[in-house]
Amino acid sequence: MLDMDAASFEALVVDELDQLPDDMVDGLDNVVFVVQDRPEDGSLDLLGLYDGWALTERDRYGAGELPDRIVVYREPHLAVCDSVSALRDEVHTTLVHEIAHFYGIDDERLHELGWA
């Protein structure tokens, strides 16, 4: 298990987000990225979460909607990583995975593509 304070982890997430391809992040509309210590249930099983309407379902999306959220959980990431390099890789994978949900790509397809 890796040890990293919340501020350092958030900086790492921002850095990994900045390294994603422009065509992946430029299309994100009304989405915020949030870092939290753990999921609400306190488990360490979930690394990230997309909370919102996928782009493919935005016909139900109205004006004035609160932003969708992509949440990256710090403690679960630290629990599965034993180095900063491994943590960067895992955060990168989590960001791609959750952004894919925004674009309407489900877990089955993400498994096929190697991002789950």
PDB file of N, CA and C in Angstrom:
ATOM      1  N   MET A   1       0.842  -1.187   0.000  1.00  0.00           N
ATOM      2  CA  MET A   1       0.000   0.000   0.000  1.00  0.00           C
ATOM      3  C   MET A   1       0.888   1.251   0.000  1.00  0.00           C
ATOM      4  N   LEU A   2       0.507   2.191  -0.808  1.00  0.00           N
ATOM      5  CA  LEU A   2       1.235   3.443  -0.948  1.00  0.00           C
ATOM      6  C   LEU A   2       0.648   4.485  -0.001  1.00  0.00           C
ATOM      7  N   ASP A   3       1.463   5.406   0.465  1.00  0.00           N
ATOM      8  CA  ASP A   3       1.000   6.486   1.331  1.00  0.00           C
ATOM      9  C   ASP A   3       1.181   7.806   0.590  1.00  0.00           C
ATOM     10  N   MET A   4       0.092   8.595   0.511  1.00  0.00           N
ATOM     11  CA  MET A   4       0.155   9.896  -0.147  1.00  0.00           C
ATOM     12  C   MET A   4      -0.961  10.764   0.417  1.00  0.00           C
ATOM     13  N   ASP A   5      -0.632  11.993   0.785  1.00  0.00           N
ATOM     14  CA  ASP A   5      -1.660  12.878   1.342  1.00  0.00           C
ATOM     15  C   ASP A   5      -2.621  13.332   0.241  1.00  0.00           C
ATOM     16  N   ALA A   6      -3.742  13.900   0.671  1.00  0.00           N
ATOM     17  CA  ALA A   6      -4.810  14.278  -0.256  1.00  0.00           C
ATOM     18  C   ALA A   6      -4.355  15.309  -1.283  1.00  0.00           C
ATOM     19  N   ALA A   7      -3.590  16.308  -0.863  1.00  0.00           N
ATOM     20  CA  ALA A   7      -3.151  17.354  -1.791  1.00  0.00           C
ATOM     21  C   ALA A   7      -2.220  16.792  -2.869  1.00  0.00           C
ATOM     22  N   SER A   8      -1.315  15.910  -2.480  1.00  0.00           N
ATOM     23  CA  SER A   8      -0.394  15.312  -3.450  1.00  0.00           C
ATOM     24  C   SER A   8      -1.130  14.406  -4.421  1.00  0.00           C
ATOM     25  N   PHE A   9      -2.099  13.668  -3.909  1.00  0.00           N
ATOM     26  CA  PHE A   9      -2.884  12.789  -4.775  1.00  0.00           C
ATOM     27  C   PHE A   9      -3.692  13.612  -5.776  1.00  0.00           C
ATOM     28  N   GLU A  10      -4.316  14.680  -5.309  1.00  0.00           N
ATOM     29  CA  GLU A  10      -5.088  15.527  -6.206  1.00  0.00           C
ATOM     30  C   GLU A  10      -4.191  16.128  -7.290  1.00  0.00           C
ATOM     31  N   ALA A  11      -2.990  16.544  -6.929  1.00  0.00           N
ATOM     32  CA  ALA A  11      -2.047  17.075  -7.916  1.00  0.00           C
ATOM     33  C   ALA A  11      -1.676  16.011  -8.950  1.00  0.00           C
ATOM     34  N   LEU A  12      -1.509  14.778  -8.513  1.00  0.00           N
ATOM     35  CA  LEU A  12      -1.207  13.672  -9.423  1.00  0.00           C
ATOM     36  C   LEU A  12      -2.374  13.456 -10.385  1.00  0.00           C
ATOM     37  N   VAL A  13      -3.607  13.491  -9.872  1.00  0.00           N
ATOM     38  CA  VAL A  13      -4.793  13.311 -10.719  1.00  0.00           C
ATOM     39  C   VAL A  13      -4.863  14.428 -11.766  1.00  0.00           C
ATOM     40  N   VAL A  14      -4.638  15.666 -11.352  1.00  0.00           N
ATOM     41  CA  VAL A  14      -4.660  16.791 -12.289  1.00  0.00           C
ATOM     42  C   VAL A  14      -3.588  16.612 -13.358  1.00  0.00           C
ATOM     43  N   ASP A  15      -2.411  16.187 -12.944  1.00  0.00           N
ATOM     44  CA  ASP A  15      -1.326  15.960 -13.898  1.00  0.00           C
ATOM     45  C   ASP A  15      -1.699  14.873 -14.907  1.00  0.00           C
ATOM     46  N   GLU A  16      -2.278  13.787 -14.431  1.00  0.00           N
ATOM     47  CA  GLU A  16      -2.691  12.705 -15.340  1.00  0.00           C
ATOM     48  C   GLU A  16      -3.818  13.169 -16.261  1.00  0.00           C
ATOM     49  N   LEU A  17      -4.725  13.969 -15.748  1.00  0.00           N
ATOM     50  CA  LEU A  17      -5.805  14.511 -16.575  1.00  0.00           C
ATOM     51  C   LEU A  17      -5.231  15.405 -17.673  1.00  0.00           C
ATOM     52  N   ASP A  18      -4.245  16.217 -17.319  1.00  0.00           N
ATOM     53  CA  ASP A  18      -3.606  17.100 -18.299  1.00  0.00           C
ATOM     54  C   ASP A  18      -2.883  16.325 -19.395  1.00  0.00           C
ATOM     55  N   GLN A  19      -2.487  15.100 -19.118  1.00  0.00           N
ATOM     56  CA  GLN A  19      -1.750  14.300 -20.104  1.00  0.00           C
ATOM     57  C   GLN A  19      -2.659  13.504 -21.040  1.00  0.00           C
ATOM     58  N   LEU A  20      -3.956  13.508 -20.779  1.00  0.00           N
ATOM     59  CA  LEU A  20      -4.875  12.790 -21.668  1.00  0.00           C
ATOM     60  C   LEU A  20      -4.974  13.520 -22.997  1.00  0.00           C
ATOM     61  N   PRO A  21      -5.247  12.785 -24.075  1.00  0.00           N
ATOM     62  CA  PRO A  21      -5.348  13.414 -25.397  1.00  0.00           C
ATOM     63  C   PRO A  21      -6.450  14.471 -25.437  1.00  0.00           C
ATOM     64  N   ASP A  22      -6.191  15.557 -26.144  1.00  0.00           N
ATOM     65  CA  ASP A  22      -7.164  16.641 -26.257  1.00  0.00           C
ATOM     66  C   ASP A  22      -8.504  16.160 -26.779  1.00  0.00           C
ATOM     67  N   ASP A  23      -8.495  15.256 -27.772  1.00  0.00           N
ATOM     68  CA  ASP A  23      -9.765  14.813 -28.346  1.00  0.00           C
ATOM     69  C   ASP A  23     -10.590  13.996 -27.352  1.00  0.00           C
ATOM     70  N   MET A  24      -9.985  13.509 -26.293  1.00  0.00           N
ATOM     71  CA  MET A  24     -10.717  12.788 -25.264  1.00  0.00           C
ATOM     72  C   MET A  24     -11.394  13.755 -24.291  1.00  0.00           C
ATOM     73  N   VAL A  25     -10.719  14.835 -23.950  1.00  0.00           N
ATOM     74  CA  VAL A  25     -11.251  15.734 -22.927  1.00  0.00           C
ATOM     75  C   VAL A  25     -11.966  16.960 -23.505  1.00  0.00           C
ATOM     76  N   ASP A  26     -11.675  17.337 -24.738  1.00  0.00           N
ATOM     77  CA  ASP A  26     -12.306  18.523 -25.315  1.00  0.00           C
ATOM     78  C   ASP A  26     -13.821  18.379 -25.437  1.00  0.00           C
ATOM     79  N   GLY A  27     -14.306  17.174 -25.605  1.00  0.00           N
ATOM     80  CA  GLY A  27     -15.737  16.957 -25.760  1.00  0.00           C
ATOM     81  C   GLY A  27     -16.512  16.878 -24.451  1.00  0.00           C
ATOM     82  N   LEU A  28     -15.818  16.910 -23.332  1.00  0.00           N
ATOM     83  CA  LEU A  28     -16.496  16.841 -22.044  1.00  0.00           C
ATOM     84  C   LEU A  28     -17.287  18.125 -21.822  1.00  0.00           C
ATOM     85  N   ASP A  29     -18.585  17.978 -21.652  1.00  0.00           N
ATOM     86  CA  ASP A  29     -19.463  19.123 -21.491  1.00  0.00           C
ATOM     87  C   ASP A  29     -20.167  19.031 -20.150  1.00  0.00           C
ATOM     88  N   ASN A  30     -20.036  20.069 -19.338  1.00  0.00           N
ATOM     89  CA  ASN A  30     -20.709  20.135 -18.039  1.00  0.00           C
ATOM     90  C   ASN A  30     -20.288  18.974 -17.130  1.00  0.00           C
ATOM     91  N   VAL A  31     -18.982  18.738 -17.058  1.00  0.00           N
ATOM     92  CA  VAL A  31     -18.420  17.660 -16.232  1.00  0.00           C
ATOM     93  C   VAL A  31     -17.362  18.264 -15.309  1.00  0.00           C
ATOM     94  N   VAL A  32     -17.406  17.881 -14.042  1.00  0.00           N
ATOM     95  CA  VAL A  32     -16.372  18.286 -13.093  1.00  0.00           C
ATOM     96  C   VAL A  32     -15.660  17.033 -12.594  1.00  0.00           C
ATOM     97  N   PHE A  33     -14.394  17.198 -12.263  1.00  0.00           N
ATOM     98  CA  PHE A  33     -13.594  16.116 -11.703  1.00  0.00           C
ATOM     99  C   PHE A  33     -13.440  16.379 -10.208  1.00  0.00           C
ATOM    100  N   VAL A  34     -13.665  15.332  -9.418  1.00  0.00           N
ATOM    101  CA  VAL A  34     -13.636  15.444  -7.968  1.00  0.00           C
ATOM    102  C   VAL A  34     -12.754  14.337  -7.419  1.00  0.00           C
ATOM    103  N   VAL A  35     -11.942  14.667  -6.418  1.00  0.00           N
ATOM    104  CA  VAL A  35     -11.162  13.659  -5.706  1.00  0.00           C
ATOM    105  C   VAL A  35     -11.763  13.522  -4.310  1.00  0.00           C
ATOM    106  N   GLN A  36     -12.064  12.283  -3.931  1.00  0.00           N
ATOM    107  CA  GLN A  36     -12.573  11.993  -2.593  1.00  0.00           C
ATOM    108  C   GLN A  36     -11.740  10.875  -1.995  1.00  0.00           C
ATOM    109  N   ASP A  37     -11.734  10.797  -0.671  1.00  0.00           N
ATOM    110  CA  ASP A  37     -10.959   9.751  -0.014  1.00  0.00           C
ATOM    111  C   ASP A  37     -11.492   8.358  -0.320  1.00  0.00           C
ATOM    112  N   ARG A  38     -12.803   8.164  -0.127  1.00  0.00           N
ATOM    113  CA  ARG A  38     -13.433   6.856  -0.322  1.00  0.00           C
ATOM    114  C   ARG A  38     -14.847   7.027  -0.846  1.00  0.00           C
ATOM    115  N   PRO A  39     -15.396   5.954  -1.414  1.00  0.00           N
ATOM    116  CA  PRO A  39     -16.823   5.985  -1.760  1.00  0.00           C
ATOM    117  C   PRO A  39     -17.670   6.146  -0.491  1.00  0.00           C
ATOM    118  N   GLU A  40     -18.914   6.554  -0.664  1.00  0.00           N
ATOM    119  CA  GLU A  40     -19.804   6.790   0.478  1.00  0.00           C
ATOM    120  C   GLU A  40     -19.954   5.571   1.378  1.00  0.00           C
ATOM    121  N   ASP A  41     -19.888   4.371   0.814  1.00  0.00           N
ATOM    122  CA  ASP A  41     -20.050   3.163   1.639  1.00  0.00           C
ATOM    123  C   ASP A  41     -18.774   2.803   2.400  1.00  0.00           C
ATOM    124  N   GLY A  42     -17.700   3.565   2.198  1.00  0.00           N
ATOM    125  CA  GLY A  42     -16.458   3.348   2.924  1.00  0.00           C
ATOM    126  C   GLY A  42     -15.583   2.236   2.387  1.00  0.00           C
ATOM    127  N   SER A  43     -16.010   1.602   1.308  1.00  0.00           N
ATOM    128  CA  SER A  43     -15.259   0.466   0.763  1.00  0.00           C
ATOM    129  C   SER A  43     -14.003   0.931   0.037  1.00  0.00           C
ATOM    130  N   LEU A  44     -13.130  -0.020  -0.222  1.00  0.00           N
ATOM    131  CA  LEU A  44     -11.926   0.241  -1.010  1.00  0.00           C
ATOM    132  C   LEU A  44     -12.006  -0.438  -2.375  1.00  0.00           C
ATOM    133  N   ASP A  45     -13.192  -0.873  -2.761  1.00  0.00           N
ATOM    134  CA  ASP A  45     -13.364  -1.639  -3.994  1.00  0.00           C
ATOM    135  C   ASP A  45     -13.525  -0.781  -5.248  1.00  0.00           C
ATOM    136  N   LEU A  46     -13.953   0.452  -5.087  1.00  0.00           N
ATOM    137  CA  LEU A  46     -14.267   1.305  -6.227  1.00  0.00           C
ATOM    138  C   LEU A  46     -13.193   2.369  -6.401  1.00  0.00           C
ATOM    139  N   LEU A  47     -12.578   2.422  -7.572  1.00  0.00           N
ATOM    140  CA  LEU A  47     -11.505   3.387  -7.831  1.00  0.00           C
ATOM    141  C   LEU A  47     -12.033   4.719  -8.354  1.00  0.00           C
ATOM    142  N   GLY A  48     -13.143   4.674  -9.076  1.00  0.00           N
ATOM    143  CA  GLY A  48     -13.706   5.889  -9.650  1.00  0.00           C
ATOM    144  C   GLY A  48     -15.177   5.700  -9.946  1.00  0.00           C
ATOM    145  N   LEU A  49     -15.833   6.819 -10.267  1.00  0.00           N
ATOM    146  CA  LEU A  49     -17.263   6.782 -10.525  1.00  0.00           C
ATOM    147  C   LEU A  49     -17.626   7.896 -11.488  1.00  0.00           C
ATOM    148  N   TYR A  50     -18.460   7.559 -12.478  1.00  0.00           N
ATOM    149  CA  TYR A  50     -19.064   8.586 -13.329  1.00  0.00           C
ATOM    150  C   TYR A  50     -20.485   8.761 -12.838  1.00  0.00           C
ATOM    151  N   ASP A  51     -20.830   9.959 -12.426  1.00  0.00           N
ATOM    152  CA  ASP A  51     -22.151  10.263 -11.897  1.00  0.00           C
ATOM    153  C   ASP A  51     -22.787  11.310 -12.798  1.00  0.00           C
ATOM    154  N   GLY A  52     -23.662  10.863 -13.709  1.00  0.00           N
ATOM    155  CA  GLY A  52     -24.307  11.810 -14.608  1.00  0.00           C
ATOM    156  C   GLY A  52     -24.973  11.110 -15.776  1.00  0.00           C
ATOM    157  N   TRP A  53     -25.306  11.911 -16.777  1.00  0.00           N
ATOM    158  CA  TRP A  53     -25.939  11.409 -17.991  1.00  0.00           C
ATOM    159  C   TRP A  53     -24.890  11.247 -19.079  1.00  0.00           C
ATOM    160  N   ALA A  54     -24.779  10.041 -19.604  1.00  0.00           N
ATOM    161  CA  ALA A  54     -23.860   9.796 -20.718  1.00  0.00           C
ATOM    162  C   ALA A  54     -24.263  10.651 -21.916  1.00  0.00           C
ATOM    163  N   LEU A  55     -23.301  10.997 -22.727  1.00  0.00           N
ATOM    164  CA  LEU A  55     -23.541  11.795 -23.919  1.00  0.00           C
ATOM    165  C   LEU A  55     -24.616  11.148 -24.800  1.00  0.00           C
ATOM    166  N   THR A  56     -24.651   9.836 -24.826  1.00  0.00           N
ATOM    167  CA  THR A  56     -25.638   9.115 -25.632  1.00  0.00           C
ATOM    168  C   THR A  56     -27.046   9.202 -25.049  1.00  0.00           C
ATOM    169  N   GLU A  57     -27.181   9.698 -23.820  1.00  0.00           N
ATOM    170  CA  GLU A  57     -28.490   9.829 -23.165  1.00  0.00           C
ATOM    171  C   GLU A  57     -28.855  11.283 -22.902  1.00  0.00           C
ATOM    172  N   ARG A  58     -28.124  12.192 -23.474  1.00  0.00           N
ATOM    173  CA  ARG A  58     -28.320  13.602 -23.165  1.00  0.00           C
ATOM    174  C   ARG A  58     -29.600  14.177 -23.766  1.00  0.00           C
ATOM    175  N   ASP A  59     -30.376  13.397 -24.520  1.00  0.00           N
ATOM    176  CA  ASP A  59     -31.657  13.901 -24.991  1.00  0.00           C
ATOM    177  C   ASP A  59     -32.589  14.141 -23.801  1.00  0.00           C
ATOM    178  N   ARG A  60     -32.320  13.481 -22.681  1.00  0.00           N
ATOM    179  CA  ARG A  60     -33.092  13.682 -21.457  1.00  0.00           C
ATOM    180  C   ARG A  60     -32.474  14.760 -20.579  1.00  0.00           C
ATOM    181  N   TYR A  61     -31.433  15.366 -21.042  1.00  0.00           N
ATOM    182  CA  TYR A  61     -30.637  16.322 -20.291  1.00  0.00           C
ATOM    183  C   TYR A  61     -31.208  17.709 -20.520  1.00  0.00           C
ATOM    184  N   GLY A  62     -31.555  18.420 -19.458  1.00  0.00           N
ATOM    185  CA  GLY A  62     -32.172  19.727 -19.611  1.00  0.00           C
ATOM    186  C   GLY A  62     -31.238  20.881 -19.322  1.00  0.00           C
ATOM    187  N   ALA A  63     -31.676  22.050 -19.681  1.00  0.00           N
ATOM    188  CA  ALA A  63     -30.901  23.261 -19.397  1.00  0.00           C
ATOM    189  C   ALA A  63     -30.836  23.469 -17.892  1.00  0.00           C
ATOM    190  N   GLY A  64     -29.699  23.970 -17.433  1.00  0.00           N
ATOM    191  CA  GLY A  64     -29.551  24.243 -16.011  1.00  0.00           C
ATOM    192  C   GLY A  64     -29.225  23.027 -15.167  1.00  0.00           C
ATOM    193  N   GLU A  65     -28.873  21.918 -15.803  1.00  0.00           N
ATOM    194  CA  GLU A  65     -28.514  20.711 -15.063  1.00  0.00           C
ATOM    195  C   GLU A  65     -27.229  20.943 -14.269  1.00  0.00           C
ATOM    196  N   LEU A  66     -27.157  20.337 -13.092  1.00  0.00           N
ATOM    197  CA  LEU A  66     -25.903  20.339 -12.353  1.00  0.00           C
ATOM    198  C   LEU A  66     -24.865  19.582 -13.162  1.00  0.00           C
ATOM    199  N   PRO A  67     -23.594  19.902 -12.998  1.00  0.00           N
ATOM    200  CA  PRO A  67     -22.564  19.188 -13.763  1.00  0.00           C
ATOM    201  C   PRO A  67     -22.520  17.705 -13.413  1.00  0.00           C
ATOM    202  N   ASP A  68     -22.220  16.912 -14.417  1.00  0.00           N
ATOM    203  CA  ASP A  68     -21.898  15.512 -14.164  1.00  0.00           C
ATOM    204  C   ASP A  68     -20.589  15.500 -13.389  1.00  0.00           C
ATOM    205  N   ARG A  69     -20.341  14.405 -12.679  1.00  0.00           N
ATOM    206  CA  ARG A  69     -19.111  14.322 -11.891  1.00  0.00           C
ATOM    207  C   ARG A  69     -18.345  13.058 -12.242  1.00  0.00           C
ATOM    208  N   ILE A  70     -17.052  13.204 -12.335  1.00  0.00           N
ATOM    209  CA  ILE A  70     -16.158  12.054 -12.382  1.00  0.00           C
ATOM    210  C   ILE A  70     -15.373  12.109 -11.085  1.00  0.00           C
ATOM    211  N   VAL A  71     -15.575  11.072 -10.270  1.00  0.00           N
ATOM    212  CA  VAL A  71     -14.957  11.020  -8.949  1.00  0.00           C
ATOM    213  C   VAL A  71     -13.811  10.016  -8.983  1.00  0.00           C
ATOM    214  N   VAL A  72     -12.666  10.427  -8.467  1.00  0.00           N
ATOM    215  CA  VAL A  72     -11.512   9.546  -8.326  1.00  0.00           C
ATOM    216  C   VAL A  72     -11.276   9.383  -6.825  1.00  0.00           C
ATOM    217  N   TYR A  73     -11.246   8.127  -6.376  1.00  0.00           N
ATOM    218  CA  TYR A  73     -11.115   7.837  -4.946  1.00  0.00           C
ATOM    219  C   TYR A  73      -9.653   7.574  -4.577  1.00  0.00           C
ATOM    220  N   ARG A  74      -9.163   8.354  -3.633  1.00  0.00           N
ATOM    221  CA  ARG A  74      -7.753   8.303  -3.240  1.00  0.00           C
ATOM    222  C   ARG A  74      -7.384   7.009  -2.517  1.00  0.00           C
ATOM    223  N   GLU A  75      -8.068   6.680  -1.430  1.00  0.00           N
ATOM    224  CA  GLU A  75      -7.655   5.540  -0.607  1.00  0.00           C
ATOM    225  C   GLU A  75      -7.719   4.206  -1.352  1.00  0.00           C
ATOM    226  N   PRO A  76      -8.749   3.942  -2.153  1.00  0.00           N
ATOM    227  CA  PRO A  76      -8.729   2.692  -2.926  1.00  0.00           C
ATOM    228  C   PRO A  76      -7.544   2.606  -3.895  1.00  0.00           C
ATOM    229  N   HIS A  77      -7.188   3.734  -4.514  1.00  0.00           N
ATOM    230  CA  HIS A  77      -6.018   3.732  -5.393  1.00  0.00           C
ATOM    231  C   HIS A  77      -4.749   3.422  -4.613  1.00  0.00           C
ATOM    232  N   LEU A  78      -4.595   4.060  -3.468  1.00  0.00           N
ATOM    233  CA  LEU A  78      -3.395   3.834  -2.661  1.00  0.00           C
ATOM    234  C   LEU A  78      -3.330   2.395  -2.162  1.00  0.00           C
ATOM    235  N   ALA A  79      -4.482   1.783  -1.926  1.00  0.00           N
ATOM    236  CA  ALA A  79      -4.527   0.410  -1.426  1.00  0.00           C
ATOM    237  C   ALA A  79      -4.061  -0.612  -2.464  1.00  0.00           C
ATOM    238  N   VAL A  80      -4.220  -0.291  -3.756  1.00  0.00           N
ATOM    239  CA  VAL A  80      -3.858  -1.264  -4.794  1.00  0.00           C
ATOM    240  C   VAL A  80      -2.520  -0.970  -5.461  1.00  0.00           C
ATOM    241  N   CYS A  81      -1.876   0.113  -5.067  1.00  0.00           N
ATOM    242  CA  CYS A  81      -0.620   0.497  -5.710  1.00  0.00           C
ATOM    243  C   CYS A  81       0.533   0.458  -4.712  1.00  0.00           C
ATOM    244  N   ASP A  82       1.699   0.040  -5.205  1.00  0.00           N
ATOM    245  CA  ASP A  82       2.874  -0.021  -4.327  1.00  0.00           C
ATOM    246  C   ASP A  82       3.988   0.929  -4.755  1.00  0.00           C
ATOM    247  N   SER A  83       3.714   1.751  -5.777  1.00  0.00           N
ATOM    248  CA  SER A  83       4.692   2.744  -6.211  1.00  0.00           C
ATOM    249  C   SER A  83       3.949   3.908  -6.862  1.00  0.00           C
ATOM    250  N   VAL A  84       4.622   5.029  -6.959  1.00  0.00           N
ATOM    251  CA  VAL A  84       4.022   6.197  -7.606  1.00  0.00           C
ATOM    252  C   VAL A  84       3.782   5.907  -9.087  1.00  0.00           C
ATOM    253  N   SER A  85       4.674   5.179  -9.707  1.00  0.00           N
ATOM    254  CA  SER A  85       4.497   4.815 -11.111  1.00  0.00           C
ATOM    255  C   SER A  85       3.229   3.983 -11.314  1.00  0.00           C
ATOM    256  N   ALA A  86       3.039   2.997 -10.453  1.00  0.00           N
ATOM    257  CA  ALA A  86       1.829   2.165 -10.529  1.00  0.00           C
ATOM    258  C   ALA A  86       0.580   3.008 -10.259  1.00  0.00           C
ATOM    259  N   LEU A  87       0.690   3.950  -9.322  1.00  0.00           N
ATOM    260  CA  LEU A  87      -0.431   4.833  -9.013  1.00  0.00           C
ATOM    261  C   LEU A  87      -0.785   5.691 -10.220  1.00  0.00           C
ATOM    262  N   ARG A  88       0.214   6.258 -10.883  1.00  0.00           N
ATOM    263  CA  ARG A  88      -0.047   7.062 -12.085  1.00  0.00           C
ATOM    264  C   ARG A  88      -0.763   6.230 -13.152  1.00  0.00           C
ATOM    265  N   ASP A  89      -0.301   5.001 -13.358  1.00  0.00           N
ATOM    266  CA  ASP A  89      -0.940   4.122 -14.347  1.00  0.00           C
ATOM    267  C   ASP A  89      -2.390   3.841 -13.974  1.00  0.00           C
ATOM    268  N   GLU A  90      -2.623   3.571 -12.698  1.00  0.00           N
ATOM    269  CA  GLU A  90      -3.981   3.235 -12.246  1.00  0.00           C
ATOM    270  C   GLU A  90      -4.907   4.448 -12.327  1.00  0.00           C
ATOM    271  N   VAL A  91      -4.418   5.618 -11.956  1.00  0.00           N
ATOM    272  CA  VAL A  91      -5.228   6.838 -12.066  1.00  0.00           C
ATOM    273  C   VAL A  91      -5.531   7.125 -13.529  1.00  0.00           C
ATOM    274  N   HIS A  92      -4.550   6.954 -14.401  1.00  0.00           N
ATOM    275  CA  HIS A  92      -4.762   7.144 -15.837  1.00  0.00           C
ATOM    276  C   HIS A  92      -5.877   6.221 -16.340  1.00  0.00           C
ATOM    277  N   THR A  93      -5.792   4.951 -15.977  1.00  0.00           N
ATOM    278  CA  THR A  93      -6.807   3.982 -16.398  1.00  0.00           C
ATOM    279  C   THR A  93      -8.181   4.363 -15.853  1.00  0.00           C
ATOM    280  N   THR A  94      -8.235   4.790 -14.598  1.00  0.00           N
ATOM    281  CA  THR A  94      -9.508   5.193 -13.998  1.00  0.00           C
ATOM    282  C   THR A  94     -10.097   6.394 -14.727  1.00  0.00           C
ATOM    283  N   LEU A  95      -9.272   7.390 -15.026  1.00  0.00           N
ATOM    284  CA  LEU A  95      -9.776   8.561 -15.745  1.00  0.00           C
ATOM    285  C   LEU A  95     -10.320   8.183 -17.117  1.00  0.00           C
ATOM    286  N   VAL A  96      -9.576   7.381 -17.858  1.00  0.00           N
ATOM    287  CA  VAL A  96     -10.045   6.949 -19.187  1.00  0.00           C
ATOM    288  C   VAL A  96     -11.350   6.173 -19.051  1.00  0.00           C
ATOM    289  N   HIS A  97     -11.414   5.280 -18.071  1.00  0.00           N
ATOM    290  CA  HIS A  97     -12.607   4.458 -17.840  1.00  0.00           C
ATOM    291  C   HIS A  97     -13.829   5.334 -17.562  1.00  0.00           C
ATOM    292  N   GLU A  98     -13.697   6.281 -16.655  1.00  0.00           N
ATOM    293  CA  GLU A  98     -14.842   7.108 -16.281  1.00  0.00           C
ATOM    294  C   GLU A  98     -15.215   8.100 -17.392  1.00  0.00           C
ATOM    295  N   ILE A  99     -14.236   8.636 -18.088  1.00  0.00           N
ATOM    296  CA  ILE A  99     -14.536   9.505 -19.231  1.00  0.00           C
ATOM    297  C   ILE A  99     -15.261   8.703 -20.309  1.00  0.00           C
ATOM    298  N   ALA A 100     -14.881   7.459 -20.498  1.00  0.00           N
ATOM    299  CA  ALA A 100     -15.569   6.598 -21.475  1.00  0.00           C
ATOM    300  C   ALA A 100     -17.049   6.449 -21.131  1.00  0.00           C
ATOM    301  N   HIS A 101     -17.362   6.358 -19.843  1.00  0.00           N
ATOM    302  CA  HIS A 101     -18.772   6.296 -19.442  1.00  0.00           C
ATOM    303  C   HIS A 101     -19.513   7.567 -19.852  1.00  0.00           C
ATOM    304  N   PHE A 102     -18.859   8.725 -19.768  1.00  0.00           N
ATOM    305  CA  PHE A 102     -19.469   9.968 -20.234  1.00  0.00           C
ATOM    306  C   PHE A 102     -19.858   9.834 -21.713  1.00  0.00           C
ATOM    307  N   TYR A 103     -18.988   9.215 -22.498  1.00  0.00           N
ATOM    308  CA  TYR A 103     -19.246   9.055 -23.926  1.00  0.00           C
ATOM    309  C   TYR A 103     -20.190   7.890 -24.237  1.00  0.00           C
ATOM    310  N   GLY A 104     -20.677   7.208 -23.205  1.00  0.00           N
ATOM    311  CA  GLY A 104     -21.666   6.151 -23.398  1.00  0.00           C
ATOM    312  C   GLY A 104     -21.080   4.768 -23.592  1.00  0.00           C
ATOM    313  N   ILE A 105     -19.811   4.579 -23.301  1.00  0.00           N
ATOM    314  CA  ILE A 105     -19.172   3.271 -23.436  1.00  0.00           C
ATOM    315  C   ILE A 105     -19.373   2.506 -22.125  1.00  0.00           C
ATOM    316  N   ASP A 106     -19.967   1.325 -22.211  1.00  0.00           N
ATOM    317  CA  ASP A 106     -20.278   0.567 -20.996  1.00  0.00           C
ATOM    318  C   ASP A 106     -19.109  -0.307 -20.551  1.00  0.00           C
ATOM    319  N   ASP A 107     -19.246  -0.897 -19.361  1.00  0.00           N
ATOM    320  CA  ASP A 107     -18.164  -1.700 -18.786  1.00  0.00           C
ATOM    321  C   ASP A 107     -17.789  -2.892 -19.658  1.00  0.00           C
ATOM    322  N   GLU A 108     -18.768  -3.520 -20.288  1.00  0.00           N
ATOM    323  CA  GLU A 108     -18.463  -4.670 -21.142  1.00  0.00           C
ATOM    324  C   GLU A 108     -17.519  -4.276 -22.274  1.00  0.00           C
ATOM    325  N   ARG A 109     -17.819  -3.168 -22.921  1.00  0.00           N
ATOM    326  CA  ARG A 109     -16.961  -2.697 -24.019  1.00  0.00           C
ATOM    327  C   ARG A 109     -15.594  -2.253 -23.496  1.00  0.00           C
ATOM    328  N   LEU A 110     -15.575  -1.626 -22.324  1.00  0.00           N
ATOM    329  CA  LEU A 110     -14.297  -1.222 -21.728  1.00  0.00           C
ATOM    330  C   LEU A 110     -13.426  -2.430 -21.413  1.00  0.00           C
ATOM    331  N   HIS A 111     -14.031  -3.525 -20.976  1.00  0.00           N
ATOM    332  CA  HIS A 111     -13.277  -4.764 -20.745  1.00  0.00           C
ATOM    333  C   HIS A 111     -12.684  -5.253 -22.066  1.00  0.00           C
ATOM    334  N   GLU A 112     -13.491  -5.219 -23.129  1.00  0.00           N
ATOM    335  CA  GLU A 112     -12.993  -5.649 -24.437  1.00  0.00           C
ATOM    336  C   GLU A 112     -11.799  -4.809 -24.887  1.00  0.00           C
ATOM    337  N   LEU A 113     -11.841  -3.517 -24.569  1.00  0.00           N
ATOM    338  CA  LEU A 113     -10.783  -2.599 -24.978  1.00  0.00           C
ATOM    339  C   LEU A 113      -9.583  -2.583 -24.026  1.00  0.00           C
ATOM    340  N   GLY A 114      -9.711  -3.264 -22.882  1.00  0.00           N
ATOM    341  CA  GLY A 114      -8.628  -3.330 -21.912  1.00  0.00           C
ATOM    342  C   GLY A 114      -8.567  -2.160 -20.956  1.00  0.00           C
ATOM    343  N   TRP A 115      -9.685  -1.433 -20.789  1.00  0.00           N
ATOM    344  CA  TRP A 115      -9.718  -0.275 -19.890  1.00  0.00           C
ATOM    345  C   TRP A 115     -10.562  -0.511 -18.660  1.00  0.00           C
ATOM    346  N   ALA A 116     -10.744  -1.762 -18.292  1.00  0.00           N
ATOM    347  CA  ALA A 116     -11.541  -2.054 -17.090  1.00  0.00           C
ATOM    348  C   ALA A 116     -10.871  -3.105 -16.249  1.00  0.00           C
TER     349      ALA A 116
END
